[in-house]
Amino acid sequence: MERRKHTREFKLEAVRLIKERGVSVAQAARDLGVSDGLLHKWVKAFADDPAHAFPGHGQMKPEEAEIAQLRREVIRLKAERDILKKAAAYFAKESM
């Protein structure tokens, strides 16, 4: 069974259906063809951070993007440090 993908607009409309129109989660889940648990998860995600809820495939929240960028920078800096250590050791042996 293939996993279904829902667009950001679909998720936002599902949350609006519950929050603004007062439809129960169970009824909305039946109408939309999704599980109650998934709908609860969408409502919680929207409540936690409405502006960045449901970022989509390949997109990250600003904090996650910053963390990923910092991790890449740490890897690059460690590689530079290792190269400098090897160069220092090489030149230290050569001067003796």
PDB file of N, CA and C in Angstrom:
ATOM      1  N   MET A   1       0.835  -1.179   0.000  1.00  0.00           N
ATOM      2  CA  MET A   1       0.000   0.000   0.000  1.00  0.00           C
ATOM      3  C   MET A   1       0.883   1.247   0.000  1.00  0.00           C
ATOM      4  N   GLU A   2       0.638   2.136  -0.949  1.00  0.00           N
ATOM      5  CA  GLU A   2       1.450   3.341  -1.072  1.00  0.00           C
ATOM      6  C   GLU A   2       0.993   4.402  -0.077  1.00  0.00           C
ATOM      7  N   ARG A   3       1.949   5.098   0.460  1.00  0.00           N
ATOM      8  CA  ARG A   3       1.659   6.145   1.433  1.00  0.00           C
ATOM      9  C   ARG A   3       1.152   7.384   0.700  1.00  0.00           C
ATOM     10  N   ARG A   4       0.046   7.940   1.169  1.00  0.00           N
ATOM     11  CA  ARG A   4      -0.517   9.133   0.537  1.00  0.00           C
ATOM     12  C   ARG A   4       0.201  10.370   1.025  1.00  0.00           C
ATOM     13  N   LYS A   5       0.315  11.341   0.133  1.00  0.00           N
ATOM     14  CA  LYS A   5       0.933  12.618   0.479  1.00  0.00           C
ATOM     15  C   LYS A   5      -0.131  13.693   0.364  1.00  0.00           C
ATOM     16  N   HIS A   6      -0.188  14.528   1.358  1.00  0.00           N
ATOM     17  CA  HIS A   6      -1.172  15.605   1.380  1.00  0.00           C
ATOM     18  C   HIS A   6      -0.445  16.936   1.273  1.00  0.00           C
ATOM     19  N   THR A   7      -1.016  17.834   0.503  1.00  0.00           N
ATOM     20  CA  THR A   7      -0.407  19.144   0.322  1.00  0.00           C
ATOM     21  C   THR A   7      -0.580  19.990   1.581  1.00  0.00           C
ATOM     22  N   ARG A   8       0.201  21.038   1.648  1.00  0.00           N
ATOM     23  CA  ARG A   8       0.103  21.968   2.774  1.00  0.00           C
ATOM     24  C   ARG A   8      -1.290  22.589   2.817  1.00  0.00           C
ATOM     25  N   GLU A   9      -1.822  22.921   1.651  1.00  0.00           N
ATOM     26  CA  GLU A   9      -3.148  23.528   1.574  1.00  0.00           C
ATOM     27  C   GLU A   9      -4.220  22.576   2.104  1.00  0.00           C
ATOM     28  N   PHE A  10      -4.090  21.297   1.766  1.00  0.00           N
ATOM     29  CA  PHE A  10      -5.046  20.299   2.237  1.00  0.00           C
ATOM     30  C   PHE A  10      -5.017  20.227   3.767  1.00  0.00           C
ATOM     31  N   LYS A  11      -3.816  20.205   4.329  1.00  0.00           N
ATOM     32  CA  LYS A  11      -3.672  20.121   5.780  1.00  0.00           C
ATOM     33  C   LYS A  11      -4.223  21.376   6.461  1.00  0.00           C
ATOM     34  N   LEU A  12      -3.914  22.542   5.891  1.00  0.00           N
ATOM     35  CA  LEU A  12      -4.422  23.783   6.470  1.00  0.00           C
ATOM     36  C   LEU A  12      -5.947  23.830   6.411  1.00  0.00           C
ATOM     37  N   GLU A  13      -6.516  23.380   5.308  1.00  0.00           N
ATOM     38  CA  GLU A  13      -7.972  23.374   5.189  1.00  0.00           C
ATOM     39  C   GLU A  13      -8.587  22.382   6.179  1.00  0.00           C
ATOM     40  N   ALA A  14      -7.934  21.251   6.400  1.00  0.00           N
ATOM     41  CA  ALA A  14      -8.427  20.275   7.370  1.00  0.00           C
ATOM     42  C   ALA A  14      -8.420  20.873   8.779  1.00  0.00           C
ATOM     43  N   VAL A  15      -7.357  21.587   9.118  1.00  0.00           N
ATOM     44  CA  VAL A  15      -7.268  22.224  10.436  1.00  0.00           C
ATOM     45  C   VAL A  15      -8.330  23.317  10.566  1.00  0.00           C
ATOM     46  N   ARG A  16      -8.522  24.110   9.493  1.00  0.00           N
ATOM     47  CA  ARG A  16      -9.548  25.160   9.513  1.00  0.00           C
ATOM     48  C   ARG A  16     -10.937  24.569   9.714  1.00  0.00           C
ATOM     49  N   LEU A  17     -11.170  23.425   9.088  1.00  0.00           N
ATOM     50  CA  LEU A  17     -12.460  22.750   9.217  1.00  0.00           C
ATOM     51  C   LEU A  17     -12.774  22.464  10.682  1.00  0.00           C
ATOM     52  N   ILE A  18     -11.760  22.051  11.424  1.00  0.00           N
ATOM     53  CA  ILE A  18     -11.935  21.715  12.839  1.00  0.00           C
ATOM     54  C   ILE A  18     -11.985  22.974  13.700  1.00  0.00           C
ATOM     55  N   LYS A  19     -11.019  23.867  13.503  1.00  0.00           N
ATOM     56  CA  LYS A  19     -10.888  25.047  14.370  1.00  0.00           C
ATOM     57  C   LYS A  19     -11.975  26.096  14.123  1.00  0.00           C
ATOM     58  N   GLU A  20     -12.207  26.430  12.871  1.00  0.00           N
ATOM     59  CA  GLU A  20     -13.102  27.543  12.569  1.00  0.00           C
ATOM     60  C   GLU A  20     -14.558  27.122  12.396  1.00  0.00           C
ATOM     61  N   ARG A  21     -14.764  25.949  11.825  1.00  0.00           N
ATOM     62  CA  ARG A  21     -16.139  25.516  11.562  1.00  0.00           C
ATOM     63  C   ARG A  21     -16.708  24.622  12.654  1.00  0.00           C
ATOM     64  N   GLY A  22     -15.848  24.202  13.570  1.00  0.00           N
ATOM     65  CA  GLY A  22     -16.321  23.415  14.704  1.00  0.00           C
ATOM     66  C   GLY A  22     -16.667  21.971  14.399  1.00  0.00           C
ATOM     67  N   VAL A  23     -16.168  21.444  13.289  1.00  0.00           N
ATOM     68  CA  VAL A  23     -16.408  20.044  12.950  1.00  0.00           C
ATOM     69  C   VAL A  23     -15.549  19.182  13.867  1.00  0.00           C
ATOM     70  N   SER A  24     -16.098  18.072  14.321  1.00  0.00           N
ATOM     71  CA  SER A  24     -15.324  17.194  15.206  1.00  0.00           C
ATOM     72  C   SER A  24     -14.190  16.541  14.417  1.00  0.00           C
ATOM     73  N   VAL A  25     -13.158  16.160  15.140  1.00  0.00           N
ATOM     74  CA  VAL A  25     -12.005  15.521  14.508  1.00  0.00           C
ATOM     75  C   VAL A  25     -12.441  14.218  13.846  1.00  0.00           C
ATOM     76  N   ALA A  26     -13.271  13.457  14.536  1.00  0.00           N
ATOM     77  CA  ALA A  26     -13.725  12.174  13.991  1.00  0.00           C
ATOM     78  C   ALA A  26     -14.508  12.377  12.690  1.00  0.00           C
ATOM     79  N   GLN A  27     -15.398  13.357  12.671  1.00  0.00           N
ATOM     80  CA  GLN A  27     -16.197  13.617  11.468  1.00  0.00           C
ATOM     81  C   GLN A  27     -15.314  14.117  10.332  1.00  0.00           C
ATOM     82  N   ALA A  28     -14.417  15.030  10.638  1.00  0.00           N
ATOM     83  CA  ALA A  28     -13.514  15.561   9.616  1.00  0.00           C
ATOM     84  C   ALA A  28     -12.632  14.455   9.053  1.00  0.00           C
ATOM     85  N   ALA A  29     -12.150  13.567   9.918  1.00  0.00           N
ATOM     86  CA  ALA A  29     -11.312  12.458   9.471  1.00  0.00           C
ATOM     87  C   ALA A  29     -12.091  11.558   8.506  1.00  0.00           C
ATOM     88  N   ARG A  30     -13.336  11.258   8.848  1.00  0.00           N
ATOM     89  CA  ARG A  30     -14.156  10.430   7.954  1.00  0.00           C
ATOM     90  C   ARG A  30     -14.384  11.140   6.620  1.00  0.00           C
ATOM     91  N   ASP A  31     -14.721  12.423   6.674  1.00  0.00           N
ATOM     92  CA  ASP A  31     -15.003  13.182   5.454  1.00  0.00           C
ATOM     93  C   ASP A  31     -13.782  13.304   4.545  1.00  0.00           C
ATOM     94  N   LEU A  32     -12.624  13.469   5.149  1.00  0.00           N
ATOM     95  CA  LEU A  32     -11.397  13.677   4.378  1.00  0.00           C
ATOM     96  C   LEU A  32     -10.667  12.388   4.033  1.00  0.00           C
ATOM     97  N   GLY A  33     -11.053  11.296   4.665  1.00  0.00           N
ATOM     98  CA  GLY A  33     -10.411  10.017   4.376  1.00  0.00           C
ATOM     99  C   GLY A  33      -9.041   9.859   5.002  1.00  0.00           C
ATOM    100  N   VAL A  34      -8.859  10.461   6.180  1.00  0.00           N
ATOM    101  CA  VAL A  34      -7.598  10.312   6.915  1.00  0.00           C
ATOM    102  C   VAL A  34      -7.922   9.796   8.313  1.00  0.00           C
ATOM    103  N   SER A  35      -6.902   9.365   9.019  1.00  0.00           N
ATOM    104  CA  SER A  35      -7.131   8.833  10.360  1.00  0.00           C
ATOM    105  C   SER A  35      -7.285   9.962  11.376  1.00  0.00           C
ATOM    106  N   ASP A  36      -7.967   9.645  12.472  1.00  0.00           N
ATOM    107  CA  ASP A  36      -8.147  10.616  13.559  1.00  0.00           C
ATOM    108  C   ASP A  36      -6.789  11.068  14.101  1.00  0.00           C
ATOM    109  N   GLY A  37      -5.894  10.096  14.291  1.00  0.00           N
ATOM    110  CA  GLY A  37      -4.575  10.399  14.848  1.00  0.00           C
ATOM    111  C   GLY A  37      -3.792  11.364  13.972  1.00  0.00           C
ATOM    112  N   LEU A  38      -3.863  11.169  12.670  1.00  0.00           N
ATOM    113  CA  LEU A  38      -3.154  12.057  11.755  1.00  0.00           C
ATOM    114  C   LEU A  38      -3.732  13.464  11.818  1.00  0.00           C
ATOM    115  N   LEU A  39      -5.031  13.551  11.889  1.00  0.00           N
ATOM    116  CA  LEU A  39      -5.678  14.854  11.974  1.00  0.00           C
ATOM    117  C   LEU A  39      -5.320  15.558  13.288  1.00  0.00           C
ATOM    118  N   HIS A  40      -5.260  14.817  14.387  1.00  0.00           N
ATOM    119  CA  HIS A  40      -4.828  15.390  15.669  1.00  0.00           C
ATOM    120  C   HIS A  40      -3.394  15.912  15.557  1.00  0.00           C
ATOM    121  N   LYS A  41      -2.541  15.160  14.858  1.00  0.00           N
ATOM    122  CA  LYS A  41      -1.149  15.561  14.673  1.00  0.00           C
ATOM    123  C   LYS A  41      -1.071  16.874  13.886  1.00  0.00           C
ATOM    124  N   TRP A  42      -1.894  17.018  12.850  1.00  0.00           N
ATOM    125  CA  TRP A  42      -1.912  18.250  12.063  1.00  0.00           C
ATOM    126  C   TRP A  42      -2.383  19.434  12.903  1.00  0.00           C
ATOM    127  N   VAL A  43      -3.411  19.223  13.700  1.00  0.00           N
ATOM    128  CA  VAL A  43      -3.937  20.296  14.547  1.00  0.00           C
ATOM    129  C   VAL A  43      -2.880  20.738  15.547  1.00  0.00           C
ATOM    130  N   LYS A  44      -2.167  19.777  16.135  1.00  0.00           N
ATOM    131  CA  LYS A  44      -1.113  20.100  17.108  1.00  0.00           C
ATOM    132  C   LYS A  44       0.042  20.840  16.429  1.00  0.00           C
ATOM    133  N   ALA A  45       0.450  20.371  15.246  1.00  0.00           N
ATOM    134  CA  ALA A  45       1.541  21.022  14.522  1.00  0.00           C
ATOM    135  C   ALA A  45       1.175  22.468  14.186  1.00  0.00           C
ATOM    136  N   PHE A  46      -0.067  22.697  13.800  1.00  0.00           N
ATOM    137  CA  PHE A  46      -0.508  24.044  13.481  1.00  0.00           C
ATOM    138  C   PHE A  46      -0.573  24.907  14.738  1.00  0.00           C
ATOM    139  N   ALA A  47      -1.029  24.334  15.835  1.00  0.00           N
ATOM    140  CA  ALA A  47      -1.121  25.085  17.087  1.00  0.00           C
ATOM    141  C   ALA A  47       0.269  25.461  17.607  1.00  0.00           C
ATOM    142  N   ASP A  48       1.252  24.579  17.430  1.00  0.00           N
ATOM    143  CA  ASP A  48       2.609  24.839  17.914  1.00  0.00           C
ATOM    144  C   ASP A  48       3.287  25.989  17.170  1.00  0.00           C
ATOM    145  N   ASP A  49       3.114  26.028  15.844  1.00  0.00           N
ATOM    146  CA  ASP A  49       3.797  27.043  15.039  1.00  0.00           C
ATOM    147  C   ASP A  49       3.025  27.268  13.743  1.00  0.00           C
ATOM    148  N   PRO A  50       1.997  28.102  13.770  1.00  0.00           N
ATOM    149  CA  PRO A  50       1.149  28.285  12.587  1.00  0.00           C
ATOM    150  C   PRO A  50       1.895  28.773  11.344  1.00  0.00           C
ATOM    151  N   ALA A  51       2.857  29.640  11.516  1.00  0.00           N
ATOM    152  CA  ALA A  51       3.562  30.202  10.359  1.00  0.00           C
ATOM    153  C   ALA A  51       4.420  29.176   9.640  1.00  0.00           C
ATOM    154  N   HIS A  52       4.972  28.213  10.387  1.00  0.00           N
ATOM    155  CA  HIS A  52       5.881  27.243   9.784  1.00  0.00           C
ATOM    156  C   HIS A  52       5.333  25.820   9.815  1.00  0.00           C
ATOM    157  N   ALA A  53       4.043  25.666  10.034  1.00  0.00           N
ATOM    158  CA  ALA A  53       3.461  24.327  10.055  1.00  0.00           C
ATOM    159  C   ALA A  53       3.447  23.765   8.636  1.00  0.00           C
ATOM    160  N   PHE A  54       3.697  22.497   8.527  1.00  0.00           N
ATOM    161  CA  PHE A  54       3.657  21.773   7.252  1.00  0.00           C
ATOM    162  C   PHE A  54       4.598  22.384   6.215  1.00  0.00           C
ATOM    163  N   PRO A  55       5.901  22.390   6.473  1.00  0.00           N
ATOM    164  CA  PRO A  55       6.824  23.036   5.543  1.00  0.00           C
ATOM    165  C   PRO A  55       6.936  22.337   4.198  1.00  0.00           C
ATOM    166  N   GLY A  56       6.595  21.070   4.116  1.00  0.00           N
ATOM    167  CA  GLY A  56       6.658  20.379   2.837  1.00  0.00           C
ATOM    168  C   GLY A  56       7.941  19.597   2.659  1.00  0.00           C
ATOM    169  N   HIS A  57       7.942  18.764   1.648  1.00  0.00           N
ATOM    170  CA  HIS A  57       9.084  17.889   1.381  1.00  0.00           C
ATOM    171  C   HIS A  57      10.285  18.718   0.946  1.00  0.00           C
ATOM    172  N   GLY A  58      11.396  18.494   1.603  1.00  0.00           N
ATOM    173  CA  GLY A  58      12.623  19.180   1.239  1.00  0.00           C
ATOM    174  C   GLY A  58      12.752  20.577   1.814  1.00  0.00           C
ATOM    175  N   GLN A  59      11.768  21.027   2.528  1.00  0.00           N
ATOM    176  CA  GLN A  59      11.834  22.347   3.139  1.00  0.00           C
ATOM    177  C   GLN A  59      11.902  22.176   4.645  1.00  0.00           C
ATOM    178  N   MET A  60      12.628  23.069   5.280  1.00  0.00           N
ATOM    179  CA  MET A  60      12.786  22.971   6.725  1.00  0.00           C
ATOM    180  C   MET A  60      12.322  24.251   7.385  1.00  0.00           C
ATOM    181  N   LYS A  61      12.026  24.118   8.658  1.00  0.00           N
ATOM    182  CA  LYS A  61      11.747  25.307   9.455  1.00  0.00           C
ATOM    183  C   LYS A  61      13.052  26.086   9.564  1.00  0.00           C
ATOM    184  N   PRO A  62      12.986  27.380   9.810  1.00  0.00           N
ATOM    185  CA  PRO A  62      14.216  28.184   9.888  1.00  0.00           C
ATOM    186  C   PRO A  62      15.225  27.648  10.903  1.00  0.00           C
ATOM    187  N   GLU A  63      14.742  27.174  12.058  1.00  0.00           N
ATOM    188  CA  GLU A  63      15.673  26.649  13.067  1.00  0.00           C
ATOM    189  C   GLU A  63      16.365  25.385  12.561  1.00  0.00           C
ATOM    190  N   GLU A  64      15.620  24.519  11.890  1.00  0.00           N
ATOM    191  CA  GLU A  64      16.201  23.284  11.367  1.00  0.00           C
ATOM    192  C   GLU A  64      17.217  23.584  10.273  1.00  0.00           C
ATOM    193  N   ALA A  65      16.925  24.572   9.421  1.00  0.00           N
ATOM    194  CA  ALA A  65      17.854  24.961   8.364  1.00  0.00           C
ATOM    195  C   ALA A  65      19.147  25.505   8.956  1.00  0.00           C
ATOM    196  N   GLU A  66      19.018  26.301  10.015  1.00  0.00           N
ATOM    197  CA  GLU A  66      20.212  26.850  10.660  1.00  0.00           C
ATOM    198  C   GLU A  66      21.049  25.740  11.290  1.00  0.00           C
ATOM    199  N   ILE A  67      20.402  24.788  11.934  1.00  0.00           N
ATOM    200  CA  ILE A  67      21.123  23.662  12.543  1.00  0.00           C
ATOM    201  C   ILE A  67      21.854  22.863  11.475  1.00  0.00           C
ATOM    202  N   ALA A  68      21.194  22.598  10.354  1.00  0.00           N
ATOM    203  CA  ALA A  68      21.833  21.851   9.265  1.00  0.00           C
ATOM    204  C   ALA A  68      23.037  22.615   8.724  1.00  0.00           C
ATOM    205  N   GLN A  69      22.896  23.938   8.563  1.00  0.00           N
ATOM    206  CA  GLN A  69      24.002  24.751   8.065  1.00  0.00           C
ATOM    207  C   GLN A  69      25.167  24.739   9.057  1.00  0.00           C
ATOM    208  N   LEU A  70      24.870  24.820  10.342  1.00  0.00           N
ATOM    209  CA  LEU A  70      25.923  24.799  11.360  1.00  0.00           C
ATOM    210  C   LEU A  70      26.623  23.447  11.408  1.00  0.00           C
ATOM    211  N   ARG A  71      25.885  22.378  11.222  1.00  0.00           N
ATOM    212  CA  ARG A  71      26.504  21.046  11.190  1.00  0.00           C
ATOM    213  C   ARG A  71      27.463  20.917  10.016  1.00  0.00           C
ATOM    214  N   ARG A  72      27.050  21.438   8.839  1.00  0.00           N
ATOM    215  CA  ARG A  72      27.949  21.409   7.677  1.00  0.00           C
ATOM    216  C   ARG A  72      29.207  22.216   7.948  1.00  0.00           C
ATOM    217  N   GLU A  73      29.049  23.358   8.614  1.00  0.00           N
ATOM    218  CA  GLU A  73      30.198  24.199   8.935  1.00  0.00           C
ATOM    219  C   GLU A  73      31.138  23.502   9.919  1.00  0.00           C
ATOM    220  N   VAL A  74      30.584  22.805  10.899  1.00  0.00           N
ATOM    221  CA  VAL A  74      31.409  22.068  11.860  1.00  0.00           C
ATOM    222  C   VAL A  74      32.234  21.003  11.130  1.00  0.00           C
ATOM    223  N   ILE A  75      31.621  20.294  10.201  1.00  0.00           N
ATOM    224  CA  ILE A  75      32.341  19.262   9.439  1.00  0.00           C
ATOM    225  C   ILE A  75      33.488  19.893   8.651  1.00  0.00           C
ATOM    226  N   ARG A  76      33.208  21.038   7.999  1.00  0.00           N
ATOM    227  CA  ARG A  76      34.237  21.720   7.216  1.00  0.00           C
ATOM    228  C   ARG A  76      35.378  22.194   8.110  1.00  0.00           C
ATOM    229  N   LEU A  77      35.048  22.763   9.266  1.00  0.00           N
ATOM    230  CA  LEU A  77      36.073  23.260  10.167  1.00  0.00           C
ATOM    231  C   LEU A  77      36.925  22.141  10.747  1.00  0.00           C
ATOM    232  N   LYS A  78      36.309  21.000  11.040  1.00  0.00           N
ATOM    233  CA  LYS A  78      37.079  19.854  11.535  1.00  0.00           C
ATOM    234  C   LYS A  78      38.050  19.366  10.464  1.00  0.00           C
ATOM    235  N   ALA A  79      37.612  19.353   9.216  1.00  0.00           N
ATOM    236  CA  ALA A  79      38.501  18.929   8.132  1.00  0.00           C
ATOM    237  C   ALA A  79      39.673  19.896   7.998  1.00  0.00           C
ATOM    238  N   GLU A  80      39.397  21.200   8.080  1.00  0.00           N
ATOM    239  CA  GLU A  80      40.474  22.190   8.012  1.00  0.00           C
ATOM    240  C   GLU A  80      41.449  22.014   9.174  1.00  0.00           C
ATOM    241  N   ARG A  81      40.927  21.781  10.368  1.00  0.00           N
ATOM    242  CA  ARG A  81      41.769  21.585  11.549  1.00  0.00           C
ATOM    243  C   ARG A  81      42.681  20.375  11.357  1.00  0.00           C
ATOM    244  N   ASP A  82      42.110  19.286  10.842  1.00  0.00           N
ATOM    245  CA  ASP A  82      42.902  18.067  10.641  1.00  0.00           C
ATOM    246  C   ASP A  82      44.011  18.295   9.618  1.00  0.00           C
ATOM    247  N   ILE A  83      43.713  19.039   8.572  1.00  0.00           N
ATOM    248  CA  ILE A  83      44.737  19.342   7.561  1.00  0.00           C
ATOM    249  C   ILE A  83      45.849  20.170   8.187  1.00  0.00           C
ATOM    250  N   LEU A  84      45.488  21.153   8.989  1.00  0.00           N
ATOM    251  CA  LEU A  84      46.499  21.999   9.629  1.00  0.00           C
ATOM    252  C   LEU A  84      47.342  21.205  10.623  1.00  0.00           C
ATOM    253  N   LYS A  85      46.730  20.273  11.333  1.00  0.00           N
ATOM    254  CA  LYS A  85      47.504  19.426  12.264  1.00  0.00           C
ATOM    255  C   LYS A  85      48.533  18.608  11.504  1.00  0.00           C
ATOM    256  N   LYS A  86      48.112  18.023  10.386  1.00  0.00           N
ATOM    257  CA  LYS A  86      49.037  17.209   9.584  1.00  0.00           C
ATOM    258  C   LYS A  86      50.162  18.067   9.011  1.00  0.00           C
ATOM    259  N   ALA A  87      49.815  19.272   8.558  1.00  0.00           N
ATOM    260  CA  ALA A  87      50.837  20.171   8.004  1.00  0.00           C
ATOM    261  C   ALA A  87      51.826  20.579   9.090  1.00  0.00           C
ATOM    262  N   ALA A  88      51.330  20.880  10.271  1.00  0.00           N
ATOM    263  CA  ALA A  88      52.216  21.272  11.369  1.00  0.00           C
ATOM    264  C   ALA A  88      53.148  20.126  11.743  1.00  0.00           C
ATOM    265  N   ALA A  89      52.629  18.921  11.784  1.00  0.00           N
ATOM    266  CA  ALA A  89      53.456  17.758  12.116  1.00  0.00           C
ATOM    267  C   ALA A  89      54.510  17.533  11.019  1.00  0.00           C
ATOM    268  N   TYR A  90      54.138  17.700   9.769  1.00  0.00           N
ATOM    269  CA  TYR A  90      55.055  17.510   8.653  1.00  0.00           C
ATOM    270  C   TYR A  90      56.185  18.518   8.712  1.00  0.00           C
ATOM    271  N   PHE A  91      55.859  19.794   8.926  1.00  0.00           N
ATOM    272  CA  PHE A  91      56.877  20.821   8.969  1.00  0.00           C
ATOM    273  C   PHE A  91      57.730  20.733  10.226  1.00  0.00           C
ATOM    274  N   ALA A  92      57.184  20.222  11.316  1.00  0.00           N
ATOM    275  CA  ALA A  92      57.956  20.045  12.537  1.00  0.00           C
ATOM    276  C   ALA A  92      59.021  18.967  12.330  1.00  0.00           C
ATOM    277  N   LYS A  93      58.664  17.881  11.615  1.00  0.00           N
ATOM    278  CA  LYS A  93      59.636  16.820  11.325  1.00  0.00           C
ATOM    279  C   LYS A  93      60.694  17.311  10.360  1.00  0.00           C
ATOM    280  N   GLU A  94      60.324  18.120   9.407  1.00  0.00           N
ATOM    281  CA  GLU A  94      61.238  18.597   8.380  1.00  0.00           C
ATOM    282  C   GLU A  94      62.287  19.547   8.941  1.00  0.00           C
ATOM    283  N   SER A  95      61.947  20.326   9.945  1.00  0.00           N
ATOM    284  CA  SER A  95      62.892  21.295  10.507  1.00  0.00           C
ATOM    285  C   SER A  95      63.923  20.648  11.426  1.00  0.00           C
ATOM    286  N   MET A  96      63.703  19.411  11.825  1.00  0.00           N
ATOM    287  CA  MET A  96      64.656  18.749  12.726  1.00  0.00           C
ATOM    288  C   MET A  96      65.861  18.248  12.012  1.00  0.00           C
TER     289      MET A  96
END
